[in-house]
Amino acid sequence: DQKIKKNFKSFNAQFPPDKVFNSMAPEFVSERRKQLQTYLDDAMAVPEIAAFRELHDFLGIPTYLKELEEEQADQAQKERKRTAKPEDDRPETYLRMIERAKLDGSR
């Protein structure tokens, strides 16, 4: 919770309180588990927190971050292709050949 609050100041969900006495009572354990799940759900609903490497390490899910990074890279590549001009994909030598043909007046 401290690292999340330090790195994501706008996240203000309350971490469930712990108690020293009777902390293993079944009712307390069940209620605390629900509260922790709610806290984690709230945290994971924030994309920046969901991608926070230290949280993944703490939860033991480092592969999620790798998959997320791969997905983001794929999306970025698709966006580049979507916004790219056709000449961006052509090799420079091909462009030079076209320019030479234009200058020569041939096709």
PDB file of N, CA and C in Angstrom:
ATOM      1  N   ASP A   1       0.827  -1.198   0.000  1.00  0.00           N
ATOM      2  CA  ASP A   1       0.000   0.000   0.000  1.00  0.00           C
ATOM      3  C   ASP A   1       0.866   1.255   0.000  1.00  0.00           C
ATOM      4  N   GLN A   2       1.941   1.246   0.771  1.00  0.00           N
ATOM      5  CA  GLN A   2       2.798   2.437   0.845  1.00  0.00           C
ATOM      6  C   GLN A   2       3.426   2.761  -0.506  1.00  0.00           C
ATOM      7  N   LYS A   3       3.904   1.755  -1.207  1.00  0.00           N
ATOM      8  CA  LYS A   3       4.531   1.995  -2.511  1.00  0.00           C
ATOM      9  C   LYS A   3       3.502   2.470  -3.527  1.00  0.00           C
ATOM     10  N   ILE A   4       2.303   1.919  -3.463  1.00  0.00           N
ATOM     11  CA  ILE A   4       1.253   2.365  -4.383  1.00  0.00           C
ATOM     12  C   ILE A   4       0.904   3.816  -4.098  1.00  0.00           C
ATOM     13  N   LYS A   5       0.702   4.143  -2.828  1.00  0.00           N
ATOM     14  CA  LYS A   5       0.344   5.522  -2.460  1.00  0.00           C
ATOM     15  C   LYS A   5       1.471   6.493  -2.807  1.00  0.00           C
ATOM     16  N   LYS A   6       2.706   6.053  -2.645  1.00  0.00           N
ATOM     17  CA  LYS A   6       3.850   6.912  -2.956  1.00  0.00           C
ATOM     18  C   LYS A   6       3.945   7.194  -4.460  1.00  0.00           C
ATOM     19  N   ASN A   7       3.728   6.165  -5.264  1.00  0.00           N
ATOM     20  CA  ASN A   7       3.877   6.298  -6.716  1.00  0.00           C
ATOM     21  C   ASN A   7       2.618   6.784  -7.430  1.00  0.00           C
ATOM     22  N   PHE A   8       1.464   6.620  -6.797  1.00  0.00           N
ATOM     23  CA  PHE A   8       0.199   6.994  -7.422  1.00  0.00           C
ATOM     24  C   PHE A   8      -0.611   7.803  -6.412  1.00  0.00           C
ATOM     25  N   LYS A   9      -0.257   9.045  -6.284  1.00  0.00           N
ATOM     26  CA  LYS A   9      -0.838   9.912  -5.254  1.00  0.00           C
ATOM     27  C   LYS A   9      -2.340  10.112  -5.407  1.00  0.00           C
ATOM     28  N   SER A  10      -2.866   9.990  -6.600  1.00  0.00           N
ATOM     29  CA  SER A  10      -4.302  10.190  -6.798  1.00  0.00           C
ATOM     30  C   SER A  10      -5.123   8.968  -6.369  1.00  0.00           C
ATOM     31  N   PHE A  11      -4.474   7.831  -6.144  1.00  0.00           N
ATOM     32  CA  PHE A  11      -5.184   6.620  -5.709  1.00  0.00           C
ATOM     33  C   PHE A  11      -5.443   6.737  -4.217  1.00  0.00           C
ATOM     34  N   ASN A  12      -6.718   6.767  -3.839  1.00  0.00           N
ATOM     35  CA  ASN A  12      -7.019   7.003  -2.436  1.00  0.00           C
ATOM     36  C   ASN A  12      -7.869   5.922  -1.785  1.00  0.00           C
ATOM     37  N   ALA A  13      -7.879   4.718  -2.348  1.00  0.00           N
ATOM     38  CA  ALA A  13      -8.601   3.619  -1.700  1.00  0.00           C
ATOM     39  C   ALA A  13      -7.921   3.306  -0.370  1.00  0.00           C
ATOM     40  N   GLN A  14      -8.739   2.946   0.597  1.00  0.00           N
ATOM     41  CA  GLN A  14      -8.205   2.658   1.929  1.00  0.00           C
ATOM     42  C   GLN A  14      -7.803   1.192   2.041  1.00  0.00           C
ATOM     43  N   PHE A  15      -6.566   0.986   2.491  1.00  0.00           N
ATOM     44  CA  PHE A  15      -6.080  -0.367   2.726  1.00  0.00           C
ATOM     45  C   PHE A  15      -6.773  -0.895   3.981  1.00  0.00           C
ATOM     46  N   PRO A  16      -7.286  -2.131   3.950  1.00  0.00           N
ATOM     47  CA  PRO A  16      -8.013  -2.666   5.099  1.00  0.00           C
ATOM     48  C   PRO A  16      -7.135  -2.716   6.350  1.00  0.00           C
ATOM     49  N   PRO A  17      -7.666  -2.276   7.467  1.00  0.00           N
ATOM     50  CA  PRO A  17      -6.876  -2.291   8.700  1.00  0.00           C
ATOM     51  C   PRO A  17      -6.625  -3.710   9.191  1.00  0.00           C
ATOM     52  N   ASP A  18      -5.531  -3.873   9.856  1.00  0.00           N
ATOM     53  CA  ASP A  18      -5.164  -5.150  10.453  1.00  0.00           C
ATOM     54  C   ASP A  18      -5.430  -5.039  11.937  1.00  0.00           C
ATOM     55  N   LYS A  19      -5.536  -6.174  12.615  1.00  0.00           N
ATOM     56  CA  LYS A  19      -5.666  -6.106  14.068  1.00  0.00           C
ATOM     57  C   LYS A  19      -4.753  -7.133  14.688  1.00  0.00           C
ATOM     58  N   VAL A  20      -4.277  -6.804  15.871  1.00  0.00           N
ATOM     59  CA  VAL A  20      -3.294  -7.649  16.546  1.00  0.00           C
ATOM     60  C   VAL A  20      -3.966  -8.823  17.237  1.00  0.00           C
ATOM     61  N   PHE A  21      -5.036  -8.561  17.986  1.00  0.00           N
ATOM     62  CA  PHE A  21      -5.702  -9.614  18.742  1.00  0.00           C
ATOM     63  C   PHE A  21      -6.826 -10.234  17.921  1.00  0.00           C
ATOM     64  N   ASN A  22      -6.961 -11.530  18.050  1.00  0.00           N
ATOM     65  CA  ASN A  22      -8.000 -12.290  17.333  1.00  0.00           C
ATOM     66  C   ASN A  22      -7.887 -12.148  15.812  1.00  0.00           C
ATOM     67  N   SER A  23      -6.692 -11.940  15.330  1.00  0.00           N
ATOM     68  CA  SER A  23      -6.519 -11.743  13.896  1.00  0.00           C
ATOM     69  C   SER A  23      -6.701 -13.026  13.090  1.00  0.00           C
ATOM     70  N   MET A  24      -6.774 -14.161  13.763  1.00  0.00           N
ATOM     71  CA  MET A  24      -6.983 -15.423  13.057  1.00  0.00           C
ATOM     72  C   MET A  24      -8.403 -15.947  13.225  1.00  0.00           C
ATOM     73  N   ALA A  25      -9.264 -15.159  13.839  1.00  0.00           N
ATOM     74  CA  ALA A  25     -10.658 -15.568  13.983  1.00  0.00           C
ATOM     75  C   ALA A  25     -11.268 -15.705  12.591  1.00  0.00           C
ATOM     76  N   PRO A  26     -12.005 -16.776  12.333  1.00  0.00           N
ATOM     77  CA  PRO A  26     -12.549 -17.011  10.987  1.00  0.00           C
ATOM     78  C   PRO A  26     -13.361 -15.843  10.426  1.00  0.00           C
ATOM     79  N   GLU A  27     -14.142 -15.183  11.276  1.00  0.00           N
ATOM     80  CA  GLU A  27     -14.951 -14.060  10.801  1.00  0.00           C
ATOM     81  C   GLU A  27     -14.054 -12.911  10.350  1.00  0.00           C
ATOM     82  N   PHE A  28     -13.015 -12.642  11.145  1.00  0.00           N
ATOM     83  CA  PHE A  28     -12.098 -11.552  10.797  1.00  0.00           C
ATOM     84  C   PHE A  28     -11.345 -11.874   9.513  1.00  0.00           C
ATOM     85  N   VAL A  29     -10.861 -13.106   9.404  1.00  0.00           N
ATOM     86  CA  VAL A  29     -10.098 -13.519   8.223  1.00  0.00           C
ATOM     87  C   VAL A  29     -10.968 -13.402   6.971  1.00  0.00           C
ATOM     88  N   SER A  30     -12.201 -13.852   7.062  1.00  0.00           N
ATOM     89  CA  SER A  30     -13.103 -13.788   5.917  1.00  0.00           C
ATOM     90  C   SER A  30     -13.391 -12.338   5.514  1.00  0.00           C
ATOM     91  N   GLU A  31     -13.677 -11.494   6.495  1.00  0.00           N
ATOM     92  CA  GLU A  31     -13.968 -10.093   6.210  1.00  0.00           C
ATOM     93  C   GLU A  31     -12.743  -9.379   5.648  1.00  0.00           C
ATOM     94  N   ARG A  32     -11.585  -9.640   6.221  1.00  0.00           N
ATOM     95  CA  ARG A  32     -10.357  -8.992   5.747  1.00  0.00           C
ATOM     96  C   ARG A  32     -10.028  -9.444   4.329  1.00  0.00           C
ATOM     97  N   ARG A  33     -10.248 -10.708   4.022  1.00  0.00           N
ATOM     98  CA  ARG A  33     -10.005 -11.211   2.667  1.00  0.00           C
ATOM     99  C   ARG A  33     -10.881 -10.456   1.665  1.00  0.00           C
ATOM    100  N   LYS A  34     -12.145 -10.243   2.014  1.00  0.00           N
ATOM    101  CA  LYS A  34     -13.049  -9.500   1.133  1.00  0.00           C
ATOM    102  C   LYS A  34     -12.568  -8.060   0.958  1.00  0.00           C
ATOM    103  N   GLN A  35     -12.143  -7.448   2.050  1.00  0.00           N
ATOM    104  CA  GLN A  35     -11.662  -6.065   1.985  1.00  0.00           C
ATOM    105  C   GLN A  35     -10.384  -5.961   1.152  1.00  0.00           C
ATOM    106  N   LEU A  36      -9.481  -6.930   1.329  1.00  0.00           N
ATOM    107  CA  LEU A  36      -8.245  -6.929   0.539  1.00  0.00           C
ATOM    108  C   LEU A  36      -8.542  -7.121  -0.939  1.00  0.00           C
ATOM    109  N   GLN A  37      -9.510  -7.989  -1.242  1.00  0.00           N
ATOM    110  CA  GLN A  37      -9.886  -8.212  -2.639  1.00  0.00           C
ATOM    111  C   GLN A  37     -10.469  -6.946  -3.249  1.00  0.00           C
ATOM    112  N   THR A  38     -11.298  -6.242  -2.494  1.00  0.00           N
ATOM    113  CA  THR A  38     -11.871  -4.984  -2.968  1.00  0.00           C
ATOM    114  C   THR A  38     -10.775  -3.957  -3.222  1.00  0.00           C
ATOM    115  N   TYR A  39      -9.825  -3.873  -2.295  1.00  0.00           N
ATOM    116  CA  TYR A  39      -8.706  -2.941  -2.454  1.00  0.00           C
ATOM    117  C   TYR A  39      -7.910  -3.279  -3.711  1.00  0.00           C
ATOM    118  N   LEU A  40      -7.604  -4.552  -3.881  1.00  0.00           N
ATOM    119  CA  LEU A  40      -6.827  -4.982  -5.051  1.00  0.00           C
ATOM    120  C   LEU A  40      -7.602  -4.741  -6.340  1.00  0.00           C
ATOM    121  N   ASP A  41      -8.906  -5.006  -6.331  1.00  0.00           N
ATOM    122  CA  ASP A  41      -9.735  -4.735  -7.516  1.00  0.00           C
ATOM    123  C   ASP A  41      -9.704  -3.253  -7.866  1.00  0.00           C
ATOM    124  N   ASP A  42      -9.820  -2.401  -6.842  1.00  0.00           N
ATOM    125  CA  ASP A  42      -9.772  -0.950  -7.073  1.00  0.00           C
ATOM    126  C   ASP A  42      -8.416  -0.537  -7.646  1.00  0.00           C
ATOM    127  N   ALA A  43      -7.352  -1.107  -7.110  1.00  0.00           N
ATOM    128  CA  ALA A  43      -6.006  -0.773  -7.581  1.00  0.00           C
ATOM    129  C   ALA A  43      -5.807  -1.235  -9.027  1.00  0.00           C
ATOM    130  N   MET A  44      -6.235  -2.435  -9.326  1.00  0.00           N
ATOM    131  CA  MET A  44      -6.032  -2.984 -10.665  1.00  0.00           C
ATOM    132  C   MET A  44      -6.936  -2.324 -11.707  1.00  0.00           C
ATOM    133  N   ALA A  45      -7.944  -1.582 -11.264  1.00  0.00           N
ATOM    134  CA  ALA A  45      -8.810  -0.865 -12.200  1.00  0.00           C
ATOM    135  C   ALA A  45      -8.123   0.376 -12.762  1.00  0.00           C
ATOM    136  N   VAL A  46      -7.013   0.772 -12.144  1.00  0.00           N
ATOM    137  CA  VAL A  46      -6.231   1.921 -12.613  1.00  0.00           C
ATOM    138  C   VAL A  46      -5.114   1.358 -13.498  1.00  0.00           C
ATOM    139  N   PRO A  47      -5.129   1.637 -14.816  1.00  0.00           N
ATOM    140  CA  PRO A  47      -4.154   1.016 -15.716  1.00  0.00           C
ATOM    141  C   PRO A  47      -2.694   1.201 -15.292  1.00  0.00           C
ATOM    142  N   GLU A  48      -2.356   2.373 -14.784  1.00  0.00           N
ATOM    143  CA  GLU A  48      -0.971   2.614 -14.382  1.00  0.00           C
ATOM    144  C   GLU A  48      -0.579   1.732 -13.201  1.00  0.00           C
ATOM    145  N   ILE A  49      -1.517   1.519 -12.276  1.00  0.00           N
ATOM    146  CA  ILE A  49      -1.230   0.641 -11.138  1.00  0.00           C
ATOM    147  C   ILE A  49      -1.212  -0.812 -11.596  1.00  0.00           C
ATOM    148  N   ALA A  50      -2.125  -1.161 -12.493  1.00  0.00           N
ATOM    149  CA  ALA A  50      -2.170  -2.534 -13.004  1.00  0.00           C
ATOM    150  C   ALA A  50      -0.869  -2.916 -13.696  1.00  0.00           C
ATOM    151  N   ALA A  51      -0.161  -1.934 -14.241  1.00  0.00           N
ATOM    152  CA  ALA A  51       1.109  -2.191 -14.924  1.00  0.00           C
ATOM    153  C   ALA A  51       2.314  -1.969 -14.017  1.00  0.00           C
ATOM    154  N   PHE A  52       2.088  -1.658 -12.752  1.00  0.00           N
ATOM    155  CA  PHE A  52       3.168  -1.349 -11.807  1.00  0.00           C
ATOM    156  C   PHE A  52       3.964  -2.621 -11.497  1.00  0.00           C
ATOM    157  N   ARG A  53       5.217  -2.626 -11.917  1.00  0.00           N
ATOM    158  CA  ARG A  53       6.066  -3.827 -11.806  1.00  0.00           C
ATOM    159  C   ARG A  53       6.190  -4.335 -10.369  1.00  0.00           C
ATOM    160  N   GLU A  54       6.330  -3.454  -9.415  1.00  0.00           N
ATOM    161  CA  GLU A  54       6.501  -3.889  -8.026  1.00  0.00           C
ATOM    162  C   GLU A  54       5.253  -4.594  -7.505  1.00  0.00           C
ATOM    163  N   LEU A  55       4.090  -4.175  -7.951  1.00  0.00           N
ATOM    164  CA  LEU A  55       2.866  -4.856  -7.549  1.00  0.00           C
ATOM    165  C   LEU A  55       2.839  -6.262  -8.138  1.00  0.00           C
ATOM    166  N   HIS A  56       3.258  -6.388  -9.361  1.00  0.00           N
ATOM    167  CA  HIS A  56       3.303  -7.714 -10.008  1.00  0.00           C
ATOM    168  C   HIS A  56       4.271  -8.627  -9.279  1.00  0.00           C
ATOM    169  N   ASP A  57       5.425  -8.080  -8.928  1.00  0.00           N
ATOM    170  CA  ASP A  57       6.393  -8.883  -8.196  1.00  0.00           C
ATOM    171  C   ASP A  57       5.815  -9.334  -6.855  1.00  0.00           C
ATOM    172  N   PHE A  58       5.147  -8.417  -6.146  1.00  0.00           N
ATOM    173  CA  PHE A  58       4.543  -8.726  -4.851  1.00  0.00           C
ATOM    174  C   PHE A  58       3.480  -9.816  -4.988  1.00  0.00           C
ATOM    175  N   LEU A  59       2.676  -9.710  -6.050  1.00  0.00           N
ATOM    176  CA  LEU A  59       1.610 -10.686  -6.258  1.00  0.00           C
ATOM    177  C   LEU A  59       2.099 -11.965  -6.929  1.00  0.00           C
ATOM    178  N   GLY A  60       3.339 -11.954  -7.389  1.00  0.00           N
ATOM    179  CA  GLY A  60       3.901 -13.142  -8.028  1.00  0.00           C
ATOM    180  C   GLY A  60       3.392 -13.355  -9.436  1.00  0.00           C
ATOM    181  N   ILE A  61       3.107 -12.265 -10.154  1.00  0.00           N
ATOM    182  CA  ILE A  61       2.602 -12.386 -11.525  1.00  0.00           C
ATOM    183  C   ILE A  61       3.454 -11.586 -12.498  1.00  0.00           C
ATOM    184  N   PRO A  62       4.762 -11.809 -12.522  1.00  0.00           N
ATOM    185  CA  PRO A  62       5.614 -11.021 -13.420  1.00  0.00           C
ATOM    186  C   PRO A  62       5.323 -11.259 -14.900  1.00  0.00           C
ATOM    187  N   THR A  63       4.756 -12.390 -15.249  1.00  0.00           N
ATOM    188  CA  THR A  63       4.485 -12.640 -16.667  1.00  0.00           C
ATOM    189  C   THR A  63       3.387 -11.735 -17.189  1.00  0.00           C
ATOM    190  N   TYR A  64       2.491 -11.285 -16.331  1.00  0.00           N
ATOM    191  CA  TYR A  64       1.420 -10.376 -16.756  1.00  0.00           C
ATOM    192  C   TYR A  64       2.012  -9.104 -17.344  1.00  0.00           C
ATOM    193  N   LEU A  65       3.036  -8.577 -16.700  1.00  0.00           N
ATOM    194  CA  LEU A  65       3.651  -7.347 -17.179  1.00  0.00           C
ATOM    195  C   LEU A  65       4.274  -7.562 -18.552  1.00  0.00           C
ATOM    196  N   LYS A  66       4.925  -8.692 -18.734  1.00  0.00           N
ATOM    197  CA  LYS A  66       5.533  -8.982 -20.029  1.00  0.00           C
ATOM    198  C   LYS A  66       4.457  -9.051 -21.113  1.00  0.00           C
ATOM    199  N   GLU A  67       3.355  -9.723 -20.815  1.00  0.00           N
ATOM    200  CA  GLU A  67       2.263  -9.812 -21.782  1.00  0.00           C
ATOM    201  C   GLU A  67       1.657  -8.448 -22.058  1.00  0.00           C
ATOM    202  N   LEU A  68       1.531  -7.639 -21.016  1.00  0.00           N
ATOM    203  CA  LEU A  68       0.997  -6.289 -21.173  1.00  0.00           C
ATOM    204  C   LEU A  68       1.918  -5.444 -22.046  1.00  0.00           C
ATOM    205  N   GLU A  69       3.220  -5.534 -21.808  1.00  0.00           N
ATOM    206  CA  GLU A  69       4.178  -4.778 -22.615  1.00  0.00           C
ATOM    207  C   GLU A  69       4.118  -5.214 -24.076  1.00  0.00           C
ATOM    208  N   GLU A  70       3.993  -6.530 -24.310  1.00  0.00           N
ATOM    209  CA  GLU A  70       3.903  -7.026 -25.684  1.00  0.00           C
ATOM    210  C   GLU A  70       2.624  -6.519 -26.353  1.00  0.00           C
ATOM    211  N   GLU A  71       1.530  -6.520 -25.616  1.00  0.00           N
ATOM    212  CA  GLU A  71       0.264  -6.029 -26.159  1.00  0.00           C
ATOM    213  C   GLU A  71       0.349  -4.543 -26.482  1.00  0.00           C
ATOM    214  N   GLN A  72       0.970  -3.774 -25.581  1.00  0.00           N
ATOM    215  CA  GLN A  72       1.126  -2.342 -25.824  1.00  0.00           C
ATOM    216  C   GLN A  72       2.020  -2.090 -27.030  1.00  0.00           C
ATOM    217  N   ALA A  73       3.072  -2.879 -27.186  1.00  0.00           N
ATOM    218  CA  ALA A  73       3.958  -2.734 -28.340  1.00  0.00           C
ATOM    219  C   ALA A  73       3.211  -3.061 -29.630  1.00  0.00           C
ATOM    220  N   ASP A  74       2.387  -4.118 -29.597  1.00  0.00           N
ATOM    221  CA  ASP A  74       1.587  -4.469 -30.771  1.00  0.00           C
ATOM    222  C   ASP A  74       0.621  -3.349 -31.126  1.00  0.00           C
ATOM    223  N   GLN A  75      -0.022  -2.777 -30.116  1.00  0.00           N
ATOM    224  CA  GLN A  75      -0.960  -1.684 -30.362  1.00  0.00           C
ATOM    225  C   GLN A  75      -0.237  -0.470 -30.937  1.00  0.00           C
ATOM    226  N   ALA A  76       0.943  -0.177 -30.415  1.00  0.00           N
ATOM    227  CA  ALA A  76       1.715   0.955 -30.918  1.00  0.00           C
ATOM    228  C   ALA A  76       2.119   0.725 -32.377  1.00  0.00           C
ATOM    229  N   GLN A  77       2.510  -0.503 -32.698  1.00  0.00           N
ATOM    230  CA  GLN A  77       2.890  -0.818 -34.073  1.00  0.00           C
ATOM    231  C   GLN A  77       1.688  -0.692 -35.010  1.00  0.00           C
ATOM    232  N   LYS A  78       0.519  -1.176 -34.549  1.00  0.00           N
ATOM    233  CA  LYS A  78      -0.682  -1.047 -35.372  1.00  0.00           C
ATOM    234  C   LYS A  78      -1.036   0.423 -35.582  1.00  0.00           C
ATOM    235  N   GLU A  79      -0.873   1.232 -34.557  1.00  0.00           N
ATOM    236  CA  GLU A  79      -1.169   2.660 -34.674  1.00  0.00           C
ATOM    237  C   GLU A  79      -0.198   3.331 -35.640  1.00  0.00           C
ATOM    238  N   ARG A  80       1.084   2.943 -35.572  1.00  0.00           N
ATOM    239  CA  ARG A  80       2.064   3.510 -36.512  1.00  0.00           C
ATOM    240  C   ARG A  80       1.696   3.137 -37.938  1.00  0.00           C
ATOM    241  N   LYS A  81       1.289   1.884 -38.156  1.00  0.00           N
ATOM    242  CA  LYS A  81       0.902   1.463 -39.501  1.00  0.00           C
ATOM    243  C   LYS A  81      -0.345   2.195 -39.973  1.00  0.00           C
ATOM    244  N   ARG A  82      -1.273   2.421 -39.038  1.00  0.00           N
ATOM    245  CA  ARG A  82      -2.515   3.096 -39.395  1.00  0.00           C
ATOM    246  C   ARG A  82      -2.262   4.540 -39.802  1.00  0.00           C
ATOM    247  N   THR A  83      -1.326   5.191 -39.137  1.00  0.00           N
ATOM    248  CA  THR A  83      -1.082   6.604 -39.408  1.00  0.00           C
ATOM    249  C   THR A  83       0.072   6.849 -40.380  1.00  0.00           C
ATOM    250  N   ALA A  84       0.757   5.789 -40.776  1.00  0.00           N
ATOM    251  CA  ALA A  84       1.908   5.943 -41.671  1.00  0.00           C
ATOM    252  C   ALA A  84       1.461   6.278 -43.085  1.00  0.00           C
ATOM    253  N   LYS A  85       2.300   7.016 -43.758  1.00  0.00           N
ATOM    254  CA  LYS A  85       2.075   7.315 -45.168  1.00  0.00           C
ATOM    255  C   LYS A  85       2.607   6.130 -45.968  1.00  0.00           C
ATOM    256  N   PRO A  86       2.041   5.870 -47.132  1.00  0.00           N
ATOM    257  CA  PRO A  86       2.510   4.724 -47.927  1.00  0.00           C
ATOM    258  C   PRO A  86       4.014   4.774 -48.205  1.00  0.00           C
ATOM    259  N   GLU A  87       4.539   5.968 -48.415  1.00  0.00           N
ATOM    260  CA  GLU A  87       5.975   6.051 -48.731  1.00  0.00           C
ATOM    261  C   GLU A  87       6.862   5.722 -47.532  1.00  0.00           C
ATOM    262  N   ASP A  88       6.289   5.734 -46.334  1.00  0.00           N
ATOM    263  CA  ASP A  88       7.086   5.404 -45.150  1.00  0.00           C
ATOM    264  C   ASP A  88       7.537   3.948 -45.152  1.00  0.00           C
ATOM    265  N   ASP A  89       6.755   3.066 -45.812  1.00  0.00           N
ATOM    266  CA  ASP A  89       7.078   1.646 -45.816  1.00  0.00           C
ATOM    267  C   ASP A  89       7.996   1.238 -46.957  1.00  0.00           C
ATOM    268  N   ARG A  90       8.200   2.119 -47.905  1.00  0.00           N
ATOM    269  CA  ARG A  90       9.033   1.785 -49.056  1.00  0.00           C
ATOM    270  C   ARG A  90      10.509   1.963 -48.719  1.00  0.00           C
ATOM    271  N   PRO A  91      11.308   1.093 -49.222  1.00  0.00           N
ATOM    272  CA  PRO A  91      12.745   1.272 -49.012  1.00  0.00           C
ATOM    273  C   PRO A  91      13.218   2.563 -49.678  1.00  0.00           C
ATOM    274  N   GLU A  92      14.206   3.150 -49.104  1.00  0.00           N
ATOM    275  CA  GLU A  92      14.719   4.413 -49.633  1.00  0.00           C
ATOM    276  C   GLU A  92      15.184   4.244 -51.082  1.00  0.00           C
ATOM    277  N   THR A  93      15.777   3.125 -51.415  1.00  0.00           N
ATOM    278  CA  THR A  93      16.261   2.906 -52.781  1.00  0.00           C
ATOM    279  C   THR A  93      15.105   2.912 -53.771  1.00  0.00           C
ATOM    280  N   TYR A  94      13.972   2.393 -53.405  1.00  0.00           N
ATOM    281  CA  TYR A  94      12.802   2.390 -54.267  1.00  0.00           C
ATOM    282  C   TYR A  94      12.343   3.824 -54.520  1.00  0.00           C
ATOM    283  N   LEU A  95      12.348   4.640 -53.479  1.00  0.00           N
ATOM    284  CA  LEU A  95      11.959   6.043 -53.640  1.00  0.00           C
ATOM    285  C   LEU A  95      12.933   6.766 -54.573  1.00  0.00           C
ATOM    286  N   ARG A  96      14.211   6.478 -54.413  1.00  0.00           N
ATOM    287  CA  ARG A  96      15.194   7.117 -55.306  1.00  0.00           C
ATOM    288  C   ARG A  96      14.965   6.706 -56.756  1.00  0.00           C
ATOM    289  N   MET A  97      14.606   5.454 -56.980  1.00  0.00           N
ATOM    290  CA  MET A  97      14.349   4.967 -58.328  1.00  0.00           C
ATOM    291  C   MET A  97      13.152   5.702 -58.938  1.00  0.00           C
ATOM    292  N   ILE A  98      12.131   5.914 -58.167  1.00  0.00           N
ATOM    293  CA  ILE A  98      10.958   6.647 -58.653  1.00  0.00           C
ATOM    294  C   ILE A  98      11.328   8.091 -58.986  1.00  0.00           C
ATOM    295  N   GLU A  99      12.080   8.723 -58.108  1.00  0.00           N
ATOM    296  CA  GLU A  99      12.491  10.110 -58.343  1.00  0.00           C
ATOM    297  C   GLU A  99      13.335  10.212 -59.613  1.00  0.00           C
ATOM    298  N   ARG A 100      14.227   9.246 -59.808  1.00  0.00           N
ATOM    299  CA  ARG A 100      15.044   9.241 -61.016  1.00  0.00           C
ATOM    300  C   ARG A 100      14.182   9.086 -62.265  1.00  0.00           C
ATOM    301  N   ALA A 101      13.174   8.216 -62.173  1.00  0.00           N
ATOM    302  CA  ALA A 101      12.274   8.008 -63.320  1.00  0.00           C
ATOM    303  C   ALA A 101      11.493   9.278 -63.627  1.00  0.00           C
ATOM    304  N   LYS A 102      11.086   9.986 -62.601  1.00  0.00           N
ATOM    305  CA  LYS A 102      10.372  11.251 -62.817  1.00  0.00           C
ATOM    306  C   LYS A 102      11.278  12.268 -63.496  1.00  0.00           C
ATOM    307  N   LEU A 103      12.513  12.337 -63.056  1.00  0.00           N
ATOM    308  CA  LEU A 103      13.468  13.281 -63.643  1.00  0.00           C
ATOM    309  C   LEU A 103      13.784  12.928 -65.088  1.00  0.00           C
ATOM    310  N   ASP A 104      13.862  11.629 -65.381  1.00  0.00           N
ATOM    311  CA  ASP A 104      14.162  11.170 -66.726  1.00  0.00           C
ATOM    312  C   ASP A 104      12.949  11.250 -67.633  1.00  0.00           C
ATOM    313  N   GLY A 105      11.769  11.357 -67.035  1.00  0.00           N
ATOM    314  CA  GLY A 105      10.537  11.405 -67.834  1.00  0.00           C
ATOM    315  C   GLY A 105      10.067  10.038 -68.262  1.00  0.00           C
ATOM    316  N   SER A 106      10.661   9.007 -67.719  1.00  0.00           N
ATOM    317  CA  SER A 106      10.229   7.649 -68.088  1.00  0.00           C
ATOM    318  C   SER A 106       9.355   7.075 -66.976  1.00  0.00           C
ATOM    319  N   ARG A 107       8.715   5.967 -67.291  1.00  0.00           N
ATOM    320  CA  ARG A 107       7.857   5.314 -66.299  1.00  0.00           C
ATOM    321  C   ARG A 107       8.386   4.001 -65.902  1.00  0.00           C
TER     322      ARG A 107
END
